[in-house]
Protein backbone atom coordinates (compact mmCIF):
# COMPACT_ATOMS: atom_id res chain seq x y z
CA MET A 1 148.67 259.69 222.37
CA ILE A 2 150.41 257.48 224.88
CA GLN A 3 149.57 260.01 227.60
CA VAL A 4 145.92 259.98 226.61
CA LEU A 5 145.86 256.12 226.65
CA ARG A 6 147.38 256.14 230.10
CA GLU A 7 144.84 258.55 231.35
CA ILE A 8 141.94 256.47 229.79
CA PHE A 9 143.17 253.29 231.37
CA SER A 10 143.51 254.91 234.69
CA TYR A 11 139.76 254.83 235.03
CA PRO A 12 138.36 251.33 236.03
CA PHE A 13 135.10 251.86 234.21
CA LEU A 14 136.96 252.67 231.00
CA VAL A 15 139.10 249.65 231.35
CA ARG A 16 136.01 247.47 231.63
CA ALA A 17 134.49 249.25 228.67
CA ALA A 18 137.62 248.77 226.55
CA ALA A 19 137.90 245.15 227.37
CA ALA A 20 134.27 244.29 226.80
CA GLY A 21 133.98 246.49 223.84
CA PHE A 22 136.97 244.96 222.14
CA LEU A 23 135.69 241.37 222.66
CA VAL A 24 132.20 242.28 221.43
CA SER A 25 133.63 244.10 218.41
CA LEU A 26 135.79 241.00 217.63
CA CYS A 27 132.72 238.72 217.81
CA ALA A 28 130.53 241.08 215.79
CA ALA A 29 133.13 241.32 213.00
CA LEU A 30 133.69 237.61 212.70
CA LEU A 31 129.86 236.79 212.72
CA GLY A 32 129.15 239.83 210.60
CA VAL A 33 131.08 238.71 207.56
CA SER A 34 129.02 235.53 207.18
CA LEU A 35 125.74 237.37 208.03
CA VAL A 36 126.33 240.12 205.39
CA LEU A 37 127.33 237.66 202.70
CA ARG A 38 124.19 235.58 203.41
CA ARG A 39 122.02 238.70 203.31
CA TYR A 40 121.17 238.47 207.04
CA SER A 41 122.84 241.80 207.79
CA MET A 42 119.82 243.35 209.43
CA ILE A 43 119.41 240.53 211.85
CA GLY A 44 121.39 242.57 214.30
CA ASP A 45 118.87 245.35 214.14
CA GLY A 46 116.04 243.04 214.74
CA LEU A 47 117.76 241.30 217.68
CA SER A 48 118.75 244.60 219.21
CA HIS A 49 115.14 245.74 219.29
CA ALA A 50 114.22 242.34 220.80
CA GLY A 51 116.91 242.97 223.42
CA PHE A 52 115.41 246.23 224.31
CA GLY A 53 112.01 244.61 224.75
CA ALA A 54 113.58 241.91 226.99
CA LEU A 55 115.49 244.46 229.05
CA ALA A 56 112.28 246.50 229.48
CA ILE A 57 110.47 243.41 230.78
CA ALA A 58 113.41 242.68 233.16
CA SER A 59 113.37 246.30 234.42
CA ALA A 60 109.70 246.22 234.95
CA ALA A 61 109.87 242.88 236.81
CA HIS A 62 112.96 243.99 238.76
CA ALA A 63 114.86 240.93 237.46
CA ALA A 64 118.56 240.65 236.49
CA PRO A 65 118.78 242.16 232.94
CA LEU A 66 121.02 239.63 231.29
CA ALA A 67 119.31 236.75 232.89
CA VAL A 68 116.11 237.74 231.02
CA ALA A 69 117.61 239.22 227.82
CA ILE A 70 120.07 236.42 226.92
CA PRO A 71 117.45 233.54 226.70
CA LEU A 72 114.69 235.78 225.18
CA VAL A 73 116.94 237.23 222.44
CA SER A 74 118.45 233.84 221.69
CA LEU A 75 114.94 232.50 221.24
CA ALA A 76 114.13 235.53 218.96
CA ALA A 77 117.23 234.76 216.83
CA VAL A 78 115.99 231.16 216.38
CA PHE A 79 112.42 232.37 215.73
CA LEU A 80 113.62 234.86 213.20
CA LEU A 81 115.57 232.37 211.13
CA ARG A 82 112.75 229.82 211.32
CA LEU A 83 110.24 232.42 210.31
CA SER A 84 112.42 233.53 207.39
CA GLU A 85 113.05 229.99 206.13
CA THR A 86 109.69 228.20 206.61
CA SER A 87 107.04 230.85 206.04
CA LYS A 88 105.98 233.44 203.55
CA VAL A 89 107.45 236.17 205.65
CA ARG A 90 111.12 236.41 204.57
CA GLY A 91 114.18 238.57 204.73
CA ASP A 92 113.73 242.20 205.64
CA ALA A 93 110.08 241.65 206.36
CA ALA A 94 110.76 239.11 209.00
CA VAL A 95 113.27 241.41 210.68
CA ALA A 96 110.93 244.36 210.51
CA LEU A 97 108.18 242.30 212.09
CA LEU A 98 110.39 241.23 215.00
CA SER A 99 112.12 244.57 215.50
CA THR A 100 109.07 246.85 215.49
CA GLY A 101 106.94 244.37 217.45
CA SER A 102 109.65 244.00 220.18
CA LEU A 103 110.33 247.72 220.38
CA ALA A 104 106.61 248.47 220.78
CA LEU A 105 106.29 245.87 223.42
CA GLY A 106 109.26 247.23 225.36
CA VAL A 107 107.98 250.80 225.28
CA MET A 108 104.52 249.62 226.39
CA VAL A 109 105.91 247.58 229.30
CA VAL A 110 108.06 250.37 230.53
CA SER A 111 105.35 252.97 230.21
CA VAL A 112 102.72 250.86 232.10
CA ALA A 113 105.18 249.68 234.74
CA SER A 114 106.96 252.98 235.77
CA GLY A 115 107.76 255.18 232.92
CA VAL A 116 110.93 255.32 231.02
CA ASN A 117 113.91 255.28 233.48
CA THR A 118 117.58 255.89 233.21
CA ASP A 119 118.55 252.16 233.06
CA VAL A 120 116.32 251.58 229.99
CA ASN A 121 117.55 254.70 228.27
CA SER A 122 121.09 253.49 228.82
CA TYR A 123 120.26 250.27 226.99
CA LEU A 124 118.54 252.18 224.22
CA PHE A 125 121.36 254.70 223.58
CA GLY A 126 124.31 253.05 225.27
CA SER A 127 126.49 254.09 228.19
CA ILE A 128 130.05 253.01 229.04
CA LEU A 129 129.14 253.47 232.78
CA ALA A 130 126.70 250.51 232.37
CA VAL A 131 129.50 248.02 231.62
CA ARG A 132 130.20 245.81 234.69
CA GLN A 133 132.97 243.29 235.46
CA SER A 134 130.49 240.44 234.79
CA ASP A 135 130.06 241.83 231.31
CA VAL A 136 133.79 241.48 230.65
CA TRP A 137 133.86 237.84 231.75
CA LEU A 138 130.79 237.05 229.64
CA SER A 139 132.33 238.80 226.65
CA ALA A 140 135.54 236.79 227.22
CA ALA A 141 133.56 233.56 227.20
CA LEU A 142 131.65 234.69 224.06
CA GLY A 143 134.87 235.63 222.35
CA ALA A 144 136.32 232.28 223.06
CA ALA A 145 133.26 230.48 221.71
CA VAL A 146 133.26 232.45 218.50
CA LEU A 147 136.98 232.05 217.99
CA ALA A 148 136.68 228.31 218.67
CA LEU A 149 133.77 228.11 216.09
CA PHE A 150 135.84 229.77 213.39
CA ALA A 151 138.99 227.77 214.12
CA LEU A 152 137.26 224.35 214.27
CA CYS A 153 134.57 224.87 211.68
CA TYR A 154 136.02 227.40 209.18
CA HIS A 155 135.47 225.28 206.09
CA GLN A 156 131.97 224.42 207.04
CA ILE A 157 131.09 228.09 207.72
CA PHE A 158 132.64 229.04 204.35
CA ALA A 159 130.54 226.44 202.60
CA VAL A 160 127.31 227.41 204.34
CA THR A 161 127.97 231.08 203.65
CA PHE A 162 128.41 230.86 200.01
CA ASP A 163 126.34 227.78 198.90
CA GLU A 164 124.04 226.43 201.60
CA THR A 165 122.34 224.00 199.18
CA PHE A 166 125.72 222.52 198.07
CA ALA A 167 126.98 222.33 201.69
CA LYS A 168 123.83 220.44 202.70
CA ALA A 169 124.28 218.04 199.80
CA THR A 170 127.82 217.34 200.93
CA GLY A 171 126.69 216.37 204.41
CA VAL A 172 127.20 219.63 206.27
CA LYS A 173 124.58 220.22 208.94
CA THR A 174 123.69 223.64 207.70
CA GLY A 175 120.79 224.08 210.10
CA SER A 176 123.02 223.52 213.05
CA TYR A 177 125.62 226.02 211.92
CA THR A 178 122.91 228.55 211.19
CA MET A 179 121.40 228.25 214.64
CA ILE A 180 124.76 228.35 216.40
CA THR A 181 125.53 231.52 214.45
CA ALA A 182 122.21 233.03 215.33
CA VAL A 183 122.60 232.32 219.12
CA LEU A 184 126.18 233.69 219.15
CA THR A 185 124.89 236.82 217.31
CA ALA A 186 122.14 237.17 219.89
CA LEU A 187 124.67 236.99 222.74
CA THR A 188 126.93 239.55 220.94
CA ILE A 189 123.90 241.90 220.57
CA VAL A 190 122.87 241.62 224.22
CA LEU A 191 126.38 242.26 225.67
CA GLY A 192 127.13 245.03 223.09
CA MET A 193 123.89 246.84 223.94
CA ARG A 194 125.44 247.97 227.31
CA MET A 195 127.79 250.36 225.66
CA MET A 196 126.50 250.79 222.09
CA GLY A 197 122.82 250.87 222.77
CA ALA A 198 119.96 249.05 220.96
CA LEU A 199 119.82 251.69 218.18
CA LEU A 200 123.58 251.39 217.25
CA ILE A 201 124.72 247.92 218.05
CA SER A 202 123.90 246.47 214.61
CA SER A 203 126.56 248.78 213.19
CA LEU A 204 129.24 246.58 214.61
CA ILE A 205 127.97 243.68 212.57
CA ILE A 206 127.40 245.56 209.35
CA PHE A 207 130.10 248.17 208.97
CA PRO A 208 133.39 246.15 209.42
CA ALA A 209 132.24 243.50 206.89
CA LEU A 210 131.14 246.01 204.27
CA THR A 211 134.25 248.14 204.87
CA SER A 212 136.57 245.18 204.39
CA MET A 213 134.77 244.10 201.23
CA ARG A 214 135.80 247.37 199.56
CA VAL A 215 139.42 246.22 199.25
CA CYS A 216 139.54 242.49 200.11
CA LYS A 217 138.24 239.82 197.75
CA SER A 218 138.59 236.46 199.55
CA PHE A 219 136.52 235.28 202.47
CA LYS A 220 139.68 234.79 204.66
CA SER A 221 141.04 238.21 203.90
CA VAL A 222 137.64 239.92 204.43
CA THR A 223 137.35 238.23 207.79
CA ILE A 224 140.76 239.16 209.01
CA CYS A 225 140.46 242.72 207.80
CA ALA A 226 136.95 243.06 209.35
CA VAL A 227 138.41 242.07 212.71
CA CYS A 228 141.25 244.65 212.38
CA VAL A 229 138.83 247.42 211.23
CA SER A 230 136.30 246.68 213.95
CA SER A 231 138.99 246.77 216.68
CA ALA A 232 140.58 249.96 215.37
CA CYS A 233 137.20 251.71 215.05
CA PHE A 234 136.25 250.77 218.53
CA PHE A 235 139.36 252.02 220.15
CA SER A 236 139.39 255.20 218.09
CA GLY A 237 135.68 255.85 219.00
CA LEU A 238 136.49 255.25 222.65
CA VAL A 239 139.33 257.81 222.58
CA ILE A 240 137.20 260.33 220.77
CA SER A 241 134.45 259.81 223.37
CA PHE A 242 137.00 260.43 226.14
CA LEU A 243 138.53 263.50 224.61
CA TRP A 244 135.40 265.32 223.47
CA ALA A 245 132.88 263.83 225.88
CA THR A 246 130.70 262.37 223.13
CA PRO A 247 128.56 259.24 223.45
CA ALA A 248 130.74 256.16 223.01
CA GLY A 249 128.40 254.25 220.76
CA ALA A 250 127.83 257.20 218.39
CA SER A 251 131.57 257.89 218.27
CA VAL A 252 132.36 254.36 217.31
CA VAL A 253 129.75 254.38 214.50
CA VAL A 254 131.06 257.71 213.15
CA VAL A 255 134.62 256.29 212.93
CA ASN A 256 133.23 253.21 211.21
CA MET A 257 131.61 255.58 208.69
CA LEU A 258 134.97 257.27 208.12
CA PHE A 259 136.69 253.92 207.68
CA PHE A 260 134.08 252.82 205.17
CA ALA A 261 134.57 256.13 203.13
CA VAL A 262 138.33 255.59 203.14
CA PHE A 263 138.22 251.96 202.24
CA SER A 264 135.60 252.71 199.42
CA ALA A 265 137.98 255.36 197.90
CA ALA A 266 140.92 252.96 198.16
CA GLY A 267 138.88 250.12 196.52
CA ALA A 268 137.84 252.40 193.64
CA ILE A 269 141.42 253.33 193.02
CA ILE A 270 142.58 249.71 193.06
CA ASP A 271 139.74 248.71 190.64
CA ASN A 272 140.73 251.44 188.16
CA ARG A 273 144.29 250.41 187.90
């Protein structure tokens, strides 16, 4: 295994993929626990499709992909939460409205402009070759922001996650924390799409949280376990992708599925004792 790791990290593009992927997995796991518990787990799916639409527009306009995708997906995250909270379109319906509309818009733009090209396909299905050094630095900045949020505002996040009404009554600015979480989630989705692809990036938000909940019962233990599971699944998927030449994003998701099955079995055994 050590020899395999040495060989993997001898390639600069794999080093970049490992660094950016680990940071994105860390952010997705931390944000995912709160999102899953608040029943916003599918927001990642909606934002990933919005990201594809934004990247398609950037590709057609020959603009910098992240410069277009980051603000548009952040606005989509705010719009999604506002739509879900203030209108008759709520929950999964709001996500479906955003995801299908954005995906259709992206396909239309690409088809009219120049046809589907390799760059757009890499965002749709993911490619470790698409990860650049700038993505690593952006992922590091995002990771620092997410860690700072949880370190400084852990109790507020806990309160908003489990009882938003009570948290608001006690003076917590629930709207601000919700928007900050939404924007950070949007950034995580955009950066993670490079390697995981728009169709699979939401798994990094959903799987670690659900897997950890099979055996852990407190919010803190679930959060810590989710980070560990997410990191282990990512590196395992990256190794599998390298050894068997499988797509990195799909490999990571398959490992997450295996972890979920193992933790579910372990949780069932613990509950039956």
